[in-house]
C-alpha atoms as a PDB file:
ATOM      1  CA  UNK A   1      -3.328  -4.782  -9.374  1.00  0.00           C
ATOM      2  CA  UNK A   2      -5.967  -4.316  -6.725  1.00  0.00           C
ATOM      3  CA  UNK A   3      -6.343  -0.919  -5.039  1.00  0.00           C
ATOM      4  CA  UNK A   4      -5.373  -2.081  -1.550  1.00  0.00           C
ATOM      5  CA  UNK A   5      -2.304  -3.895  -2.921  1.00  0.00           C
ATOM      6  CA  UNK A   6      -1.210  -0.752  -4.716  1.00  0.00           C
ATOM      7  CA  UNK A   7      -1.691   1.421  -1.650  1.00  0.00           C
ATOM      8  CA  UNK A   8       0.169  -1.062   0.556  1.00  0.00           C
ATOM      9  CA  UNK A   9       3.027  -1.199  -1.956  1.00  0.00           C
ATOM     10  CA  UNK A  10       3.209   2.594  -1.671  1.00  0.00           C
ATOM     11  CA  UNK A  11       3.026   2.583   2.143  1.00  0.00           C
ATOM     12  CA  UNK A  12      -0.393   4.182   2.483  1.00  0.00           C
ATOM     13  CA  UNK A  13      -3.999   3.182   3.145  1.00  0.00           C
ATOM     14  CA  UNK A  14      -7.473   4.040   1.891  1.00  0.00           C
ATOM     15  CA  UNK A  15      -7.999   5.909   5.159  1.00  0.00           C
ATOM     16  CA  UNK A  16      -4.934   8.119   4.619  1.00  0.00           C
ATOM     17  CA  UNK A  17      -5.917   8.866   1.019  1.00  0.00           C
ATOM     18  CA  UNK A  18      -9.483   9.685   2.076  1.00  0.00           C
ATOM     19  CA  UNK A  19      -8.280  11.927   4.905  1.00  0.00           C
ATOM     20  CA  UNK A  20      -5.836  13.917   2.775  1.00  0.00           C
ATOM     21  CA  UNK A  21      -7.879  14.109  -0.416  1.00  0.00           C
ATOM     22  CA  UNK A  22     -11.270  14.773   1.133  1.00  0.00           C
ATOM     23  CA  UNK A  23     -12.872  11.834  -0.684  1.00  0.00           C
ATOM     24  CA  UNK A  24     -14.860   9.709   1.741  1.00  0.00           C
ATOM     25  CA  UNK A  25     -13.480   6.364   2.796  1.00  0.00           C
ATOM     26  CA  UNK A  26     -16.817   4.806   1.855  1.00  0.00           C
ATOM     27  CA  UNK A  27     -16.266   6.007  -1.722  1.00  0.00           C
ATOM     28  CA  UNK A  28     -12.972   4.157  -1.736  1.00  0.00           C
ATOM     29  CA  UNK A  29     -14.665   1.038  -0.353  1.00  0.00           C
ATOM     30  CA  UNK A  30     -17.055   1.164  -3.308  1.00  0.00           C
ATOM     31  CA  UNK A  31     -14.066   1.112  -5.644  1.00  0.00           C
ATOM     32  CA  UNK A  32     -13.231  -2.386  -4.476  1.00  0.00           C
ATOM     33  CA  UNK A  33     -16.289  -3.584  -6.395  1.00  0.00           C
ATOM     34  CA  UNK A  34     -15.072  -2.046  -9.657  1.00  0.00           C
ATOM     35  CA  UNK A  35     -12.329  -2.907 -12.102  1.00  0.00           C
ATOM     36  CA  UNK A  36      -9.352  -0.575 -11.550  1.00  0.00           C
ATOM     37  CA  UNK A  37      -9.495   0.504 -15.190  1.00  0.00           C
ATOM     38  CA  UNK A  38     -12.959   1.959 -14.614  1.00  0.00           C
ATOM     39  CA  UNK A  39     -12.141   4.279 -11.720  1.00  0.00           C
ATOM     40  CA  UNK A  40     -12.975   7.930 -12.145  1.00  0.00           C
ATOM     41  CA  UNK A  41     -10.050  10.255 -12.783  1.00  0.00           C
ATOM     42  CA  UNK A  42     -10.672  11.982  -9.458  1.00  0.00           C
ATOM     43  CA  UNK A  43      -9.703   8.827  -7.596  1.00  0.00           C
ATOM     44  CA  UNK A  44      -6.417   8.534  -9.483  1.00  0.00           C
ATOM     45  CA  UNK A  45      -5.721  12.217  -8.795  1.00  0.00           C
ATOM     46  CA  UNK A  46      -6.564  11.788  -5.094  1.00  0.00           C
ATOM     47  CA  UNK A  47      -4.213   8.834  -4.740  1.00  0.00           C
ATOM     48  CA  UNK A  48      -1.537  10.712  -6.675  1.00  0.00           C
ATOM     49  CA  UNK A  49      -1.933  13.721  -4.383  1.00  0.00           C
ATOM     50  CA  UNK A  50      -1.060  11.574  -1.391  1.00  0.00           C
ATOM     51  CA  UNK A  51       1.778   9.727  -3.118  1.00  0.00           C
ATOM     52  CA  UNK A  52       3.323  12.747  -4.828  1.00  0.00           C
ATOM     53  CA  UNK A  53       2.476  11.385  -8.273  1.00  0.00           C
ATOM     54  CA  UNK A  54       0.196  12.445 -11.072  1.00  0.00           C
ATOM     55  CA  UNK A  55      -3.135  10.735 -11.626  1.00  0.00           C
ATOM     56  CA  UNK A  56      -1.725   9.382 -14.885  1.00  0.00           C
ATOM     57  CA  UNK A  57       1.228   7.789 -13.130  1.00  0.00           C
ATOM     58  CA  UNK A  58      -1.088   6.144 -10.618  1.00  0.00           C
ATOM     59  CA  UNK A  59      -3.324   4.851 -13.422  1.00  0.00           C
ATOM     60  CA  UNK A  60      -0.335   3.457 -15.331  1.00  0.00           C
ATOM     61  CA  UNK A  61       1.057   1.724 -12.251  1.00  0.00           C
ATOM     62  CA  UNK A  62      -2.250   0.220 -11.124  1.00  0.00           C
ATOM     63  CA  UNK A  63      -3.178  -1.041 -14.567  1.00  0.00           C
ATOM     64  CA  UNK A  64       0.322  -2.239 -15.536  1.00  0.00           C
ATOM     65  CA  UNK A  65      -0.487  -5.834 -14.553  1.00  0.00           C
ATOM     66  CA  UNK A  66      -3.564  -5.843 -16.762  1.00  0.00           C
ATOM     67  CA  UNK A  67      -1.616  -4.557 -19.744  1.00  0.00           C
ATOM     68  CA  UNK A  68       0.984  -7.339 -19.624  1.00  0.00           C
END
């Protein structure tokens, strides 16, 4: 699943994650060029912080499509 799809599914945006987590929005834009399985753990933790999930849960949900 692509990052923006995942965030939309969870009713949030890159901007909201960047604002709450302190990670720059430009850093999130750079993620769009990478495979979701290669993201740094800090990005999964940042997204999880906003969504009330652990970084591991976010990783599992984003990569679920790739594992099937």
